Amino acid sequence: MPSKMNPKPKKLYMKKVQEFREFQQKIGITFTNEKLLHQAFTHSSYVNEHRRKPYEDNERLEFLGDAVLELTISQFLYETYPTMSEGDLTKLRAAIVCEPSLVTFANELSFGKLILLGKGEELTGGRERPALLADVFEAFIGALYLDKGLHTVVQFLEKIVFPKIKEGAFSHVMDFKSKLQELIQRDGKGSLVYQILEEKGPAHNREFVATVSLNDELLGTGIGRSKKEAEQHAAEQALQKLKPKKEK
């Protein structure tokens, strides 16, 4: 008589397949090669415990995804902040692709529950470990690039990452107000005045409109989720306006 197979592994496998299908529906992207998607979420500890099966971990995809993120985010920053220096662009990019930021992006999409982990890694909290989550996010970007190309990666980032940059999530790096103040003081042109012109929207989704003026001349207008963010955007616009013609 044929031996009965343990139904548990098959049940777990089918559950994971369903989770990946739901994940693809959630992000609005269907992988042509789902093996790449599964690999992106496969930790080396899982592979080590399933040596008899042809599993491949996500480390090579992580390597590729890191490079793809650097390129796509660099292009976005280059086009979005035309007055920002090379040094400041580098600092801003570093803040976006650092481990804490990547963990935030991964958690927003509940990446943790999709990861395939070995028992030891699972028991020690690997599913919530920051370094592991950051690696998985990079691996996913690598898999997405291989399966769908750069255009789809950019579309994905336009939903998950780029809005956070525009909303000022990394404003601690983009201190346009200080740069504008230094420029005005250096040239002795007068005093800057910031004003909040408008507050609109419900309390949980407030939007502010700010202006910055120099000697009663309007230099810039900005919109943000907070007064500080709106002022930063106003200062950014002012810097672009005051940028020497030879640099344009």
Protein backbone atom coordinates (compact mmCIF):
# COMPACT_ATOMS: atom_id res chain seq x y z
CA MET A 1 0.00 0.00 0.00
CA PRO A 2 1.27 3.49 -0.79
CA SER A 3 2.28 5.46 2.28
CA LYS A 4 0.15 8.38 3.24
CA MET A 5 1.77 11.80 2.80
CA ASN A 6 1.82 14.21 5.68
CA PRO A 7 -0.78 16.83 4.69
CA LYS A 8 0.77 19.55 6.86
CA PRO A 9 3.57 20.69 4.49
CA LYS A 10 1.15 20.76 1.55
CA LYS A 11 -1.36 22.77 3.59
CA LEU A 12 1.29 25.29 4.60
CA TYR A 13 2.49 25.55 1.00
CA MET A 14 -1.01 26.24 -0.31
CA LYS A 15 -1.54 28.87 2.41
CA LYS A 16 1.65 30.65 1.37
CA VAL A 17 0.65 30.52 -2.32
CA GLN A 18 -2.67 32.14 -1.42
CA GLU A 19 -0.91 34.84 0.61
CA PHE A 20 1.31 35.70 -2.34
CA ARG A 21 -1.73 35.92 -4.63
CA GLU A 22 -3.46 38.27 -2.22
CA PHE A 23 -0.28 40.33 -1.96
CA GLN A 24 -0.12 40.74 -5.74
CA GLN A 25 -3.74 41.87 -5.77
CA LYS A 26 -2.97 44.35 -3.02
CA ILE A 27 -0.12 46.03 -4.92
CA GLY A 28 -1.84 45.73 -8.30
CA ILE A 29 1.03 43.80 -9.89
CA THR A 30 0.90 40.21 -11.12
CA PHE A 31 4.27 38.51 -11.54
CA THR A 32 4.81 36.56 -14.74
CA ASN A 33 7.40 34.44 -12.97
CA GLU A 34 6.05 33.86 -9.47
CA LYS A 35 9.20 31.94 -8.60
CA LEU A 36 11.03 35.28 -8.49
CA LEU A 37 8.44 36.67 -6.09
CA HIS A 38 8.74 33.64 -3.80
CA GLN A 39 12.52 33.84 -3.92
CA ALA A 40 12.45 37.50 -2.87
CA PHE A 41 10.82 36.45 0.41
CA THR A 42 12.93 33.33 1.02
CA HIS A 43 15.50 33.74 3.79
CA SER A 44 18.70 31.71 3.79
CA SER A 45 17.64 30.00 7.05
CA TYR A 46 14.64 28.48 5.25
CA VAL A 47 16.83 27.19 2.42
CA ASN A 48 19.24 25.62 4.91
CA GLU A 49 16.39 23.63 6.45
CA HIS A 50 15.01 22.45 3.09
CA ARG A 51 18.13 21.35 1.27
CA ARG A 52 16.37 18.49 -0.51
CA LYS A 53 14.13 20.97 -2.35
CA PRO A 54 15.31 23.46 -5.00
CA TYR A 55 14.77 26.60 -2.94
CA GLU A 56 16.97 29.64 -3.57
CA ASP A 57 17.38 32.43 -1.01
CA ASN A 58 16.93 36.14 -1.69
CA GLU A 59 20.51 37.34 -1.25
CA ARG A 60 21.30 37.75 -4.96
CA LEU A 61 18.00 39.56 -5.53
CA GLU A 62 18.83 41.81 -2.59
CA PHE A 63 22.12 42.75 -4.28
CA LEU A 64 20.30 43.64 -7.49
CA GLY A 65 17.45 45.47 -5.76
CA ASP A 66 19.89 47.67 -3.87
CA ALA A 67 21.32 48.92 -7.18
CA VAL A 68 17.87 49.40 -8.74
CA LEU A 69 16.71 51.45 -5.73
CA GLU A 70 19.80 53.64 -5.91
CA LEU A 71 19.17 54.36 -9.61
CA THR A 72 15.42 55.00 -9.45
CA ILE A 73 15.54 57.15 -6.34
CA SER A 74 18.54 59.08 -7.66
CA GLN A 75 16.64 59.92 -10.84
CA PHE A 76 13.54 60.96 -8.90
CA LEU A 77 15.56 63.27 -6.62
CA TYR A 78 17.50 64.72 -9.54
CA GLU A 79 14.29 65.65 -11.35
CA THR A 80 12.31 66.73 -8.27
CA TYR A 81 14.92 68.99 -6.64
CA PRO A 82 16.70 70.92 -9.43
CA THR A 83 18.38 73.33 -7.01
CA MET A 84 19.80 70.72 -4.67
CA SER A 85 23.57 70.18 -4.72
CA GLU A 86 25.21 66.84 -5.38
CA GLY A 87 26.21 66.54 -1.74
CA ASP A 88 22.69 67.18 -0.47
CA LEU A 89 21.20 64.79 -3.03
CA THR A 90 23.55 62.10 -1.76
CA LYS A 91 22.55 62.75 1.87
CA LEU A 92 18.86 62.65 1.01
CA ARG A 93 19.19 59.43 -0.99
CA ALA A 94 21.08 57.84 1.90
CA ALA A 95 18.23 58.73 4.27
CA ILE A 96 15.69 57.13 1.94
CA VAL A 97 17.52 53.86 1.33
CA CYS A 98 18.80 53.39 4.88
CA GLU A 99 17.62 50.42 6.92
CA PRO A 100 14.97 52.23 9.07
CA SER A 101 13.32 53.71 5.95
CA LEU A 102 13.29 50.40 4.09
CA VAL A 103 11.77 48.73 7.16
CA THR A 104 9.00 51.35 7.16
CA PHE A 105 8.22 50.62 3.51
CA ALA A 106 8.25 46.86 4.14
CA ASN A 107 5.97 47.11 7.17
CA GLU A 108 3.49 49.26 5.27
CA LEU A 109 2.94 46.32 2.93
CA SER A 110 3.09 43.65 5.68
CA PHE A 111 6.17 42.02 4.15
CA GLY A 112 6.93 40.29 7.45
CA LYS A 113 4.10 37.77 7.22
CA LEU A 114 5.19 36.66 3.74
CA ILE A 115 8.79 35.78 4.58
CA LEU A 116 9.84 32.12 4.48
CA LEU A 117 12.00 31.54 7.55
CA GLY A 118 13.79 28.64 9.16
CA LYS A 119 12.44 27.49 12.54
CA GLY A 120 15.34 28.96 14.48
CA GLU A 121 15.05 32.35 12.83
CA GLU A 122 11.29 32.28 13.38
CA LEU A 123 11.63 31.55 17.09
CA THR A 124 14.11 34.41 17.60
CA GLY A 125 11.80 37.01 16.05
CA GLY A 126 13.34 37.11 12.60
CA ARG A 127 10.04 38.07 11.01
CA GLU A 128 10.27 41.47 12.73
CA ARG A 129 14.04 41.92 12.59
CA PRO A 130 14.83 45.28 10.90
CA ALA A 131 17.86 44.11 8.91
CA LEU A 132 15.91 41.14 7.55
CA LEU A 133 12.92 43.27 6.54
CA ALA A 134 15.15 45.83 4.83
CA ASP A 135 16.87 43.04 2.89
CA VAL A 136 13.51 41.62 1.81
CA PHE A 137 12.36 44.99 0.51
CA GLU A 138 15.50 45.28 -1.61
CA ALA A 139 15.08 41.69 -2.82
CA PHE A 140 11.49 42.39 -3.81
CA ILE A 141 12.62 45.41 -5.86
CA GLY A 142 15.20 43.18 -7.55
CA ALA A 143 12.58 40.55 -8.36
CA LEU A 144 10.16 43.18 -9.65
CA TYR A 145 12.85 44.62 -11.90
CA LEU A 146 13.71 41.22 -13.39
CA ASP A 147 10.06 40.30 -13.93
CA LYS A 148 8.54 43.60 -15.07
CA GLY A 149 11.36 46.02 -15.84
CA LEU A 150 12.37 49.45 -14.58
CA HIS A 151 9.12 51.19 -15.56
CA THR A 152 7.05 48.98 -13.23
CA VAL A 153 9.56 49.48 -10.41
CA VAL A 154 9.12 53.24 -10.77
CA GLN A 155 5.32 52.86 -10.77
CA PHE A 156 5.56 50.85 -7.55
CA LEU A 157 7.82 53.45 -5.92
CA GLU A 158 5.42 56.21 -7.01
CA LYS A 159 2.84 54.60 -4.71
CA ILE A 160 5.03 53.55 -1.78
CA VAL A 161 8.13 55.75 -1.56
CA PHE A 162 7.97 58.92 -3.67
CA PRO A 163 4.86 60.39 -1.95
CA LYS A 164 6.64 60.19 1.41
CA ILE A 165 9.56 62.18 0.01
CA LYS A 166 7.21 64.84 -1.35
CA GLU A 167 5.28 64.99 1.92
CA GLY A 168 8.44 65.80 3.86
CA ALA A 169 9.16 62.49 5.58
CA PHE A 170 12.85 63.21 5.06
CA SER A 171 12.67 66.98 5.66
CA HIS A 172 15.33 66.64 8.36
CA VAL A 173 17.73 66.15 5.45
CA MET A 174 16.13 68.72 3.14
CA ASP A 175 16.56 71.88 5.23
CA PHE A 176 15.72 74.43 2.55
CA LYS A 177 14.88 77.12 5.12
CA SER A 178 18.42 77.13 6.48
CA LYS A 179 19.90 77.22 2.99
CA LEU A 180 17.67 80.14 2.01
CA GLN A 181 18.56 81.99 5.21
CA GLU A 182 22.28 81.52 4.54
CA LEU A 183 21.87 82.82 0.98
CA ILE A 184 19.98 85.94 2.12
CA GLN A 185 22.42 86.69 4.95
CA ARG A 186 25.41 86.21 2.68
CA ASP A 187 24.10 88.70 0.13
CA GLY A 188 22.70 91.11 2.75
CA LYS A 189 19.40 91.40 0.91
CA GLY A 190 17.08 91.85 3.91
CA SER A 191 14.88 89.69 6.14
CA LEU A 192 12.75 86.69 5.27
CA VAL A 193 9.14 86.51 6.40
CA TYR A 194 7.14 83.25 6.45
CA GLN A 195 3.35 83.28 6.59
CA ILE A 196 0.73 80.56 6.78
CA LEU A 197 -1.94 81.69 4.32
CA GLU A 198 -4.38 78.84 4.62
CA GLU A 199 -5.29 75.73 6.59
CA LYS A 200 -7.69 73.31 4.96
CA GLY A 201 -8.96 69.78 5.21
CA PRO A 202 -10.15 67.67 8.18
CA ALA A 203 -8.06 67.40 11.35
CA HIS A 204 -6.65 63.98 10.38
CA ASN A 205 -5.64 65.20 6.91
CA ARG A 206 -4.78 68.87 7.37
CA GLU A 207 -3.05 70.79 4.60
CA PHE A 208 -1.19 74.09 5.00
CA VAL A 209 -0.25 76.76 2.47
CA ALA A 210 2.79 78.88 3.32
CA THR A 211 4.65 81.76 1.64
CA VAL A 212 8.06 83.27 2.10
CA SER A 213 8.79 86.89 1.22
CA LEU A 214 11.82 89.14 1.12
CA ASN A 215 11.24 92.87 1.56
CA ASP A 216 7.56 92.41 0.69
CA GLU A 217 8.46 90.48 -2.48
CA LEU A 218 6.92 87.02 -2.72
CA LEU A 219 9.66 84.46 -3.35
CA GLY A 220 7.89 81.16 -2.92
CA THR A 221 4.73 79.29 -2.00
CA GLY A 222 4.56 75.80 -0.51
CA ILE A 223 1.96 73.24 0.51
CA GLY A 224 2.46 70.59 3.18
CA ARG A 225 0.89 68.34 5.81
CA SER A 226 2.35 70.55 8.53
CA LYS A 227 3.29 74.22 8.83
CA LYS A 228 6.96 73.29 8.88
CA GLU A 229 6.67 71.17 5.75
CA ALA A 230 4.77 73.92 3.89
CA GLU A 231 7.44 76.45 4.83
CA GLN A 232 10.18 74.08 3.65
CA HIS A 233 8.49 73.78 0.26
CA ALA A 234 8.10 77.56 0.06
CA ALA A 235 11.81 77.97 0.82
CA GLU A 236 12.67 75.38 -1.83
CA GLN A 237 10.72 77.34 -4.44
CA ALA A 238 12.43 80.56 -3.32
CA LEU A 239 15.87 78.98 -3.70
CA GLN A 240 15.02 77.97 -7.24
CA LYS A 241 13.87 81.51 -8.02
CA LEU A 242 17.01 83.06 -6.57
CA LYS A 243 19.36 80.58 -8.22
CA PRO A 244 21.94 82.51 -10.28
CA LYS A 245 21.14 82.53 -13.97
CA LYS A 246 24.52 81.04 -14.81
CA GLU A 247 23.55 77.89 -12.84
CA LYS A 248 20.22 77.43 -14.67
